[in-house]
Amino acid sequence: MVIGKIIGNVWATRKDESLNGLKFMIAQLENGEKIVVCDYIGAGTGDMVLITKGSGARKVLENESIPIDAVTIGIIDGFEEGE
C-alpha cells in the first residue's frame, strides 16, 4: 500500500467496457508521482488515501481481468510518524 492525496478527477467517455461505472481520480503519491486510481471508497479532492497497486487492486474489485492497477482502499483520518 502507498499513501496519496486526491488532487483531481479523470473523465473518459471512451474506455474498455469493463471500466464502465467506475470512478477515476488523480492521486499524488508522497514521492510526487501522479497516478490514476479507481476510487472504490468515495474519496474526494483533497482526501489523503490508502492506495493498493498491482494485482491487489484487481482483487479489491473482485475481477482479475479488469485493466486496473491502482485502487483507493481507505480515507486517512490521520497518522503519526515515529522517530
PDB file of N, CA and C in Angstrom:
ATOM      1  N   MET A   1       0.839  -1.182   0.000  1.00  0.00           N
ATOM      2  CA  MET A   1       0.000   0.000   0.000  1.00  0.00           C
ATOM      3  C   MET A   1       0.878   1.238   0.000  1.00  0.00           C
ATOM      4  N   VAL A   2       0.320   2.303  -0.530  1.00  0.00           N
ATOM      5  CA  VAL A   2       1.003   3.595  -0.515  1.00  0.00           C
ATOM      6  C   VAL A   2       0.000   4.668  -0.090  1.00  0.00           C
ATOM      7  N   ILE A   3       0.532   5.816   0.325  1.00  0.00           N
ATOM      8  CA  ILE A   3      -0.306   6.949   0.703  1.00  0.00           C
ATOM      9  C   ILE A   3      -0.293   7.960  -0.430  1.00  0.00           C
ATOM     10  N   GLY A   4      -1.461   8.512  -0.709  1.00  0.00           N
ATOM     11  CA  GLY A   4      -1.558   9.543  -1.730  1.00  0.00           C
ATOM     12  C   GLY A   4      -2.611  10.565  -1.345  1.00  0.00           C
ATOM     13  N   LYS A   5      -2.619  11.654  -2.097  1.00  0.00           N
ATOM     14  CA  LYS A   5      -3.616  12.697  -1.906  1.00  0.00           C
ATOM     15  C   LYS A   5      -4.379  12.862  -3.213  1.00  0.00           C
ATOM     16  N   ILE A   6      -5.703  12.835  -3.129  1.00  0.00           N
ATOM     17  CA  ILE A   6      -6.523  13.004  -4.323  1.00  0.00           C
ATOM     18  C   ILE A   6      -6.448  14.471  -4.745  1.00  0.00           C
ATOM     19  N   ILE A   7      -6.024  14.692  -5.994  1.00  0.00           N
ATOM     20  CA  ILE A   7      -5.848  16.064  -6.468  1.00  0.00           C
ATOM     21  C   ILE A   7      -6.750  16.402  -7.654  1.00  0.00           C
ATOM     22  N   GLY A   8      -7.526  15.445  -8.128  1.00  0.00           N
ATOM     23  CA  GLY A   8      -8.395  15.753  -9.256  1.00  0.00           C
ATOM     24  C   GLY A   8      -9.168  14.555  -9.736  1.00  0.00           C
ATOM     25  N   ASN A   9      -9.990  14.785 -10.749  1.00  0.00           N
ATOM     26  CA  ASN A   9     -10.837  13.746 -11.348  1.00  0.00           C
ATOM     27  C   ASN A   9     -10.390  13.457 -12.767  1.00  0.00           C
ATOM     28  N   VAL A  10     -10.756  12.282 -13.249  1.00  0.00           N
ATOM     29  CA  VAL A  10     -10.485  11.887 -14.629  1.00  0.00           C
ATOM     30  C   VAL A  10     -11.805  11.455 -15.249  1.00  0.00           C
ATOM     31  N   TRP A  11     -12.096  11.984 -16.429  1.00  0.00           N
ATOM     32  CA  TRP A  11     -13.283  11.561 -17.169  1.00  0.00           C
ATOM     33  C   TRP A  11     -12.832  10.964 -18.481  1.00  0.00           C
ATOM     34  N   ALA A  12     -13.406   9.830 -18.835  1.00  0.00           N
ATOM     35  CA  ALA A  12     -13.100   9.169 -20.105  1.00  0.00           C
ATOM     36  C   ALA A  12     -14.396   8.588 -20.652  1.00  0.00           C
ATOM     37  N   THR A  13     -14.909   9.185 -21.706  1.00  0.00           N
ATOM     38  CA  THR A  13     -16.168   8.694 -22.269  1.00  0.00           C
ATOM     39  C   THR A  13     -15.953   7.436 -23.096  1.00  0.00           C
ATOM     40  N   ARG A  14     -14.761   7.271 -23.639  1.00  0.00           N
ATOM     41  CA  ARG A  14     -14.443   6.058 -24.399  1.00  0.00           C
ATOM     42  C   ARG A  14     -13.404   5.281 -23.614  1.00  0.00           C
ATOM     43  N   LYS A  15     -13.774   4.069 -23.230  1.00  0.00           N
ATOM     44  CA  LYS A  15     -12.862   3.238 -22.439  1.00  0.00           C
ATOM     45  C   LYS A  15     -13.290   1.787 -22.567  1.00  0.00           C
ATOM     46  N   ASP A  16     -12.481   0.890 -22.062  1.00  0.00           N
ATOM     47  CA  ASP A  16     -12.799  -0.535 -22.037  1.00  0.00           C
ATOM     48  C   ASP A  16     -14.135  -0.727 -21.326  1.00  0.00           C
ATOM     49  N   GLU A  17     -14.973  -1.589 -21.872  1.00  0.00           N
ATOM     50  CA  GLU A  17     -16.306  -1.818 -21.294  1.00  0.00           C
ATOM     51  C   GLU A  17     -16.267  -2.232 -19.833  1.00  0.00           C
ATOM     52  N   SER A  18     -15.227  -2.940 -19.422  1.00  0.00           N
ATOM     53  CA  SER A  18     -15.148  -3.398 -18.032  1.00  0.00           C
ATOM     54  C   SER A  18     -14.960  -2.240 -17.054  1.00  0.00           C
ATOM     55  N   LEU A  19     -14.656  -1.045 -17.562  1.00  0.00           N
ATOM     56  CA  LEU A  19     -14.436   0.119 -16.707  1.00  0.00           C
ATOM     57  C   LEU A  19     -15.680   0.986 -16.546  1.00  0.00           C
ATOM     58  N   ASN A  20     -16.739   0.646 -17.273  1.00  0.00           N
ATOM     59  CA  ASN A  20     -17.978   1.426 -17.172  1.00  0.00           C
ATOM     60  C   ASN A  20     -18.509   1.400 -15.743  1.00  0.00           C
ATOM     61  N   GLY A  21     -18.912   2.569 -15.259  1.00  0.00           N
ATOM     62  CA  GLY A  21     -19.471   2.678 -13.920  1.00  0.00           C
ATOM     63  C   GLY A  21     -18.459   2.919 -12.825  1.00  0.00           C
ATOM     64  N   LEU A  22     -17.168   2.886 -13.169  1.00  0.00           N
ATOM     65  CA  LEU A  22     -16.122   3.126 -12.175  1.00  0.00           C
ATOM     66  C   LEU A  22     -15.701   4.586 -12.202  1.00  0.00           C
ATOM     67  N   LYS A  23     -15.306   5.110 -11.045  1.00  0.00           N
ATOM     68  CA  LYS A  23     -14.875   6.500 -10.905  1.00  0.00           C
ATOM     69  C   LYS A  23     -13.353   6.546 -10.847  1.00  0.00           C
ATOM     70  N   PHE A  24     -12.766   7.431 -11.648  1.00  0.00           N
ATOM     71  CA  PHE A  24     -11.308   7.555 -11.689  1.00  0.00           C
ATOM     72  C   PHE A  24     -10.878   8.930 -11.202  1.00  0.00           C
ATOM     73  N   MET A  25      -9.781   8.945 -10.457  1.00  0.00           N
ATOM     74  CA  MET A  25      -9.262  10.180  -9.885  1.00  0.00           C
ATOM     75  C   MET A  25      -7.748  10.216 -10.040  1.00  0.00           C
ATOM     76  N   ILE A  26      -7.179  11.406  -9.870  1.00  0.00           N
ATOM     77  CA  ILE A  26      -5.728  11.565  -9.902  1.00  0.00           C
ATOM     78  C   ILE A  26      -5.244  11.652  -8.456  1.00  0.00           C
ATOM     79  N   ALA A  27      -4.256  10.832  -8.142  1.00  0.00           N
ATOM     80  CA  ALA A  27      -3.658  10.863  -6.803  1.00  0.00           C
ATOM     81  C   ALA A  27      -2.192  11.224  -6.932  1.00  0.00           C
ATOM     82  N   GLN A  28      -1.724  12.070  -6.022  1.00  0.00           N
ATOM     83  CA  GLN A  28      -0.304  12.392  -5.960  1.00  0.00           C
ATOM     84  C   GLN A  28       0.284  11.628  -4.784  1.00  0.00           C
ATOM     85  N   LEU A  29       1.279  10.802  -5.079  1.00  0.00           N
ATOM     86  CA  LEU A  29       1.917   9.993  -4.052  1.00  0.00           C
ATOM     87  C   LEU A  29       2.908  10.835  -3.257  1.00  0.00           C
ATOM     88  N   GLU A  30       3.365  10.299  -2.148  1.00  0.00           N
ATOM     89  CA  GLU A  30       4.301  11.023  -1.277  1.00  0.00           C
ATOM     90  C   GLU A  30       5.592  11.409  -1.996  1.00  0.00           C
ATOM     91  N   ASN A  31       5.988  10.637  -3.004  1.00  0.00           N
ATOM     92  CA  ASN A  31       7.218  10.934  -3.746  1.00  0.00           C
ATOM     93  C   ASN A  31       6.993  11.943  -4.870  1.00  0.00           C
ATOM     94  N   GLY A  32       5.756  12.463  -5.001  1.00  0.00           N
ATOM     95  CA  GLY A  32       5.439  13.453  -6.021  1.00  0.00           C
ATOM     96  C   GLY A  32       4.847  12.877  -7.291  1.00  0.00           C
ATOM     97  N   GLU A  33       4.946  11.563  -7.463  1.00  0.00           N
ATOM     98  CA  GLU A  33       4.405  10.921  -8.656  1.00  0.00           C
ATOM     99  C   GLU A  33       2.878  11.049  -8.674  1.00  0.00           C
ATOM    100  N   LYS A  34       2.322  11.278  -9.856  1.00  0.00           N
ATOM    101  CA  LYS A  34       0.869  11.345 -10.024  1.00  0.00           C
ATOM    102  C   LYS A  34       0.410  10.091 -10.755  1.00  0.00           C
ATOM    103  N   ILE A  35      -0.637   9.465 -10.214  1.00  0.00           N
ATOM    104  CA  ILE A  35      -1.179   8.261 -10.841  1.00  0.00           C
ATOM    105  C   ILE A  35      -2.700   8.359 -10.906  1.00  0.00           C
ATOM    106  N   VAL A  36      -3.278   7.589 -11.820  1.00  0.00           N
ATOM    107  CA  VAL A  36      -4.735   7.474 -11.898  1.00  0.00           C
ATOM    108  C   VAL A  36      -5.142   6.300 -11.022  1.00  0.00           C
ATOM    109  N   VAL A  37      -6.129   6.528 -10.172  1.00  0.00           N
ATOM    110  CA  VAL A  37      -6.643   5.474  -9.302  1.00  0.00           C
ATOM    111  C   VAL A  37      -8.126   5.283  -9.550  1.00  0.00           C
ATOM    112  N   CYS A  38      -8.581   4.072  -9.363  1.00  0.00           N
ATOM    113  CA  CYS A  38     -10.009   3.789  -9.367  1.00  0.00           C
ATOM    114  C   CYS A  38     -10.492   4.033  -7.943  1.00  0.00           C
ATOM    115  N   ASP A  39     -11.489   4.896  -7.795  1.00  0.00           N
ATOM    116  CA  ASP A  39     -11.979   5.221  -6.451  1.00  0.00           C
ATOM    117  C   ASP A  39     -13.037   4.214  -6.037  1.00  0.00           C
ATOM    118  N   TYR A  40     -12.715   3.430  -5.041  1.00  0.00           N
ATOM    119  CA  TYR A  40     -13.592   2.355  -4.554  1.00  0.00           C
ATOM    120  C   TYR A  40     -14.354   2.759  -3.294  1.00  0.00           C
ATOM    121  N   ILE A  41     -13.970   3.889  -2.681  1.00  0.00           N
ATOM    122  CA  ILE A  41     -14.489   4.213  -1.349  1.00  0.00           C
ATOM    123  C   ILE A  41     -15.192   5.558  -1.230  1.00  0.00           C
ATOM    124  N   GLY A  42     -15.303   6.295  -2.329  1.00  0.00           N
ATOM    125  CA  GLY A  42     -15.977   7.592  -2.272  1.00  0.00           C
ATOM    126  C   GLY A  42     -15.084   8.724  -1.812  1.00  0.00           C
ATOM    127  N   ALA A  43     -13.805   8.673  -2.179  1.00  0.00           N
ATOM    128  CA  ALA A  43     -12.873   9.738  -1.816  1.00  0.00           C
ATOM    129  C   ALA A  43     -13.181  10.993  -2.631  1.00  0.00           C
ATOM    130  N   GLY A  44     -12.721  12.121  -2.115  1.00  0.00           N
ATOM    131  CA  GLY A  44     -12.904  13.384  -2.809  1.00  0.00           C
ATOM    132  C   GLY A  44     -11.597  14.138  -2.916  1.00  0.00           C
ATOM    133  N   THR A  45     -11.598  15.182  -3.724  1.00  0.00           N
ATOM    134  CA  THR A  45     -10.405  16.003  -3.890  1.00  0.00           C
ATOM    135  C   THR A  45      -9.945  16.539  -2.535  1.00  0.00           C
ATOM    136  N   GLY A  46      -8.669  16.394  -2.270  1.00  0.00           N
ATOM    137  CA  GLY A  46      -8.080  16.833  -1.009  1.00  0.00           C
ATOM    138  C   GLY A  46      -7.934  15.732   0.022  1.00  0.00           C
ATOM    139  N   ASP A  47      -8.617  14.603  -0.178  1.00  0.00           N
ATOM    140  CA  ASP A  47      -8.521  13.496   0.775  1.00  0.00           C
ATOM    141  C   ASP A  47      -7.164  12.807   0.683  1.00  0.00           C
ATOM    142  N   MET A  48      -6.608  12.456   1.847  1.00  0.00           N
ATOM    143  CA  MET A  48      -5.445  11.579   1.916  1.00  0.00           C
ATOM    144  C   MET A  48      -5.988  10.156   1.913  1.00  0.00           C
ATOM    145  N   VAL A  49      -5.418   9.305   1.061  1.00  0.00           N
ATOM    146  CA  VAL A  49      -5.969   7.963   0.886  1.00  0.00           C
ATOM    147  C   VAL A  49      -4.892   6.887   0.930  1.00  0.00           C
ATOM    148  N   LEU A  50      -5.329   5.681   1.264  1.00  0.00           N
ATOM    149  CA  LEU A  50      -4.505   4.485   1.121  1.00  0.00           C
ATOM    150  C   LEU A  50      -4.803   3.929  -0.261  1.00  0.00           C
ATOM    151  N   ILE A  51      -3.756   3.552  -0.967  1.00  0.00           N
ATOM    152  CA  ILE A  51      -3.891   3.031  -2.328  1.00  0.00           C
ATOM    153  C   ILE A  51      -3.211   1.682  -2.393  1.00  0.00           C
ATOM    154  N   THR A  52      -3.882   0.715  -2.975  1.00  0.00           N
ATOM    155  CA  THR A  52      -3.238  -0.562  -3.253  1.00  0.00           C
ATOM    156  C   THR A  52      -3.011  -0.636  -4.747  1.00  0.00           C
ATOM    157  N   LYS A  53      -1.876  -1.221  -5.114  1.00  0.00           N
ATOM    158  CA  LYS A  53      -1.489  -1.259  -6.519  1.00  0.00           C
ATOM    159  C   LYS A  53      -1.270  -2.699  -6.967  1.00  0.00           C
ATOM    160  N   GLY A  54      -1.267  -2.899  -8.272  1.00  0.00           N
ATOM    161  CA  GLY A  54      -0.981  -4.200  -8.852  1.00  0.00           C
ATOM    162  C   GLY A  54      -2.134  -5.170  -8.738  1.00  0.00           C
ATOM    163  N   SER A  55      -1.814  -6.439  -8.575  1.00  0.00           N
ATOM    164  CA  SER A  55      -2.851  -7.469  -8.551  1.00  0.00           C
ATOM    165  C   SER A  55      -3.803  -7.287  -7.374  1.00  0.00           C
ATOM    166  N   GLY A  56      -3.328  -6.676  -6.288  1.00  0.00           N
ATOM    167  CA  GLY A  56      -4.199  -6.399  -5.146  1.00  0.00           C
ATOM    168  C   GLY A  56      -5.343  -5.485  -5.519  1.00  0.00           C
ATOM    169  N   ALA A  57      -5.102  -4.561  -6.440  1.00  0.00           N
ATOM    170  CA  ALA A  57      -6.154  -3.639  -6.882  1.00  0.00           C
ATOM    171  C   ALA A  57      -7.274  -4.403  -7.587  1.00  0.00           C
ATOM    172  N   ARG A  58      -6.906  -5.351  -8.413  1.00  0.00           N
ATOM    173  CA  ARG A  58      -7.925  -6.149  -9.117  1.00  0.00           C
ATOM    174  C   ARG A  58      -8.692  -7.041  -8.147  1.00  0.00           C
ATOM    175  N   LYS A  59      -8.028  -7.519  -7.114  1.00  0.00           N
ATOM    176  CA  LYS A  59      -8.707  -8.356  -6.124  1.00  0.00           C
ATOM    177  C   LYS A  59      -9.748  -7.560  -5.355  1.00  0.00           C
ATOM    178  N   VAL A  60      -9.468  -6.271  -5.075  1.00  0.00           N
ATOM    179  CA  VAL A  60     -10.444  -5.421  -4.387  1.00  0.00           C
ATOM    180  C   VAL A  60     -11.735  -5.347  -5.200  1.00  0.00           C
ATOM    181  N   LEU A  61     -11.577  -5.236  -6.515  1.00  0.00           N
ATOM    182  CA  LEU A  61     -12.743  -5.131  -7.396  1.00  0.00           C
ATOM    183  C   LEU A  61     -13.327  -6.495  -7.747  1.00  0.00           C
ATOM    184  N   GLU A  62     -12.703  -7.547  -7.233  1.00  0.00           N
ATOM    185  CA  GLU A  62     -13.155  -8.927  -7.466  1.00  0.00           C
ATOM    186  C   GLU A  62     -13.273  -9.259  -8.944  1.00  0.00           C
ATOM    187  N   ASN A  63     -12.272  -8.795  -9.716  1.00  0.00           N
ATOM    188  CA  ASN A  63     -12.240  -9.057 -11.146  1.00  0.00           C
ATOM    189  C   ASN A  63     -10.779  -9.096 -11.577  1.00  0.00           C
ATOM    190  N   GLU A  64     -10.222 -10.280 -11.706  1.00  0.00           N
ATOM    191  CA  GLU A  64      -8.804 -10.436 -12.030  1.00  0.00           C
ATOM    192  C   GLU A  64      -8.458  -9.985 -13.447  1.00  0.00           C
ATOM    193  N   SER A  65      -9.457  -9.834 -14.323  1.00  0.00           N
ATOM    194  CA  SER A  65      -9.156  -9.467 -15.709  1.00  0.00           C
ATOM    195  C   SER A  65      -9.359  -7.986 -16.014  1.00  0.00           C
ATOM    196  N   ILE A  66      -9.815  -7.201 -15.037  1.00  0.00           N
ATOM    197  CA  ILE A  66     -10.055  -5.776 -15.271  1.00  0.00           C
ATOM    198  C   ILE A  66      -8.717  -5.038 -15.400  1.00  0.00           C
ATOM    199  N   PRO A  67      -8.586  -4.116 -16.362  1.00  0.00           N
ATOM    200  CA  PRO A  67      -7.300  -3.442 -16.585  1.00  0.00           C
ATOM    201  C   PRO A  67      -7.070  -2.257 -15.641  1.00  0.00           C
ATOM    202  N   ILE A  68      -6.936  -2.554 -14.355  1.00  0.00           N
ATOM    203  CA  ILE A  68      -6.718  -1.530 -13.337  1.00  0.00           C
ATOM    204  C   ILE A  68      -5.518  -1.939 -12.503  1.00  0.00           C
ATOM    205  N   ASP A  69      -4.690  -0.965 -12.135  1.00  0.00           N
ATOM    206  CA  ASP A  69      -3.541  -1.299 -11.296  1.00  0.00           C
ATOM    207  C   ASP A  69      -3.400  -0.431 -10.054  1.00  0.00           C
ATOM    208  N   ALA A  70      -4.421   0.418  -9.750  1.00  0.00           N
ATOM    209  CA  ALA A  70      -4.380   1.215  -8.524  1.00  0.00           C
ATOM    210  C   ALA A  70      -5.802   1.534  -8.068  1.00  0.00           C
ATOM    211  N   VAL A  71      -6.098   1.262  -6.797  1.00  0.00           N
ATOM    212  CA  VAL A  71      -7.442   1.460  -6.248  1.00  0.00           C
ATOM    213  C   VAL A  71      -7.329   2.103  -4.868  1.00  0.00           C
ATOM    214  N   THR A  72      -8.214   3.076  -4.584  1.00  0.00           N
ATOM    215  CA  THR A  72      -8.281   3.630  -3.230  1.00  0.00           C
ATOM    216  C   THR A  72      -8.973   2.609  -2.332  1.00  0.00           C
ATOM    217  N   ILE A  73      -8.391   2.371  -1.153  1.00  0.00           N
ATOM    218  CA  ILE A  73      -8.990   1.389  -0.239  1.00  0.00           C
ATOM    219  C   ILE A  73      -9.246   1.960   1.147  1.00  0.00           C
ATOM    220  N   GLY A  74      -8.901   3.226   1.362  1.00  0.00           N
ATOM    221  CA  GLY A  74      -9.157   3.841   2.655  1.00  0.00           C
ATOM    222  C   GLY A  74      -8.921   5.339   2.613  1.00  0.00           C
ATOM    223  N   ILE A  75      -9.713   6.080   3.380  1.00  0.00           N
ATOM    224  CA  ILE A  75      -9.502   7.510   3.545  1.00  0.00           C
ATOM    225  C   ILE A  75      -8.806   7.690   4.891  1.00  0.00           C
ATOM    226  N   ILE A  76      -7.676   8.364   4.893  1.00  0.00           N
ATOM    227  CA  ILE A  76      -6.869   8.519   6.091  1.00  0.00           C
ATOM    228  C   ILE A  76      -7.399   9.678   6.925  1.00  0.00           C
ATOM    229  N   ASP A  77      -7.721   9.390   8.186  1.00  0.00           N
ATOM    230  CA  ASP A  77      -8.156  10.424   9.121  1.00  0.00           C
ATOM    231  C   ASP A  77      -6.970  11.141   9.748  1.00  0.00           C
ATOM    232  N   GLY A  78      -5.880  10.424   9.910  1.00  0.00           N
ATOM    233  CA  GLY A  78      -4.671  10.989  10.498  1.00  0.00           C
ATOM    234  C   GLY A  78      -3.621   9.899  10.630  1.00  0.00           C
ATOM    235  N   PHE A  79      -2.387  10.300  10.867  1.00  0.00           N
ATOM    236  CA  PHE A  79      -1.329   9.338  11.127  1.00  0.00           C
ATOM    237  C   PHE A  79      -0.219  10.019  11.895  1.00  0.00           C
ATOM    238  N   GLU A  80       0.610   9.203  12.493  1.00  0.00           N
ATOM    239  CA  GLU A  80       1.705   9.705  13.299  1.00  0.00           C
ATOM    240  C   GLU A  80       2.970   8.965  12.916  1.00  0.00           C
ATOM    241  N   GLU A  81       4.012   9.700  12.623  1.00  0.00           N
ATOM    242  CA  GLU A  81       5.284   9.084  12.280  1.00  0.00           C
ATOM    243  C   GLU A  81       6.170   9.038  13.507  1.00  0.00           C
ATOM    244  N   GLY A  82       6.828   7.911  13.707  1.00  0.00           N
ATOM    245  CA  GLY A  82       7.759   7.776  14.819  1.00  0.00           C
ATOM    246  C   GLY A  82       9.119   8.335  14.465  1.00  0.00           C
ATOM    247  N   GLU A  83      10.008   8.312  15.433  1.00  0.00           N
ATOM    248  CA  GLU A  83      11.366   8.837  15.223  1.00  0.00           C
ATOM    249  C   GLU A  83      12.216   7.884  14.448  1.00  0.00           C
TER     250      GLU A  83
END
